[in-house]
Amino acid sequence: MAGHDVFQIFAEKLAESVDATDLRNVLSEIAYSFDLPIFAYLFPSPKVGGATDLISTYPPPWTSHYLRSAYEKIDPVIHRARSRQETFSWNAASGELGLSQVQQEFMDEATQFGIRSGFTIPIHDRREV
């Protein structure tokens, strides 16, 4: 299946999803179609101080720690995704993310859980402030 077709099907299924289970299934399908073994879909609350939700196949100890630590506030991949529409690859060791000391410590911690690189598809919706 061509990449464009996969994204079209993804967009249609995403629009049809009615709950977190549907959304997780759609995300699993798209990740599988691109031969991506794990994925994370993070969506911060549109309300100030609201909870961040995460649908992911990353290791549960990491995702629990990530949410408990409010790492979405310092995660360089999240920061980059917020400022662009295009997909991008990233690698914790490459230096391409222009990391601050705190962000480098975050990425070092992520690598302890086996998270070293990824491919990000920024998804923006109308709830963003």
Foldseek 3Di string as FASTA:
>chain_A
DDPVVLVVVLVVQCVVDDDPVSNLVSVVVSCVVVPNPKDKDWDADLDVVGAIDIRIPQPVVVVVVCRVVVVCVQALVNVVLVVDQDKDKDFLPPCVSVHDPVNNVVQVVVVVSVDGMDIDHRDDDPSHD
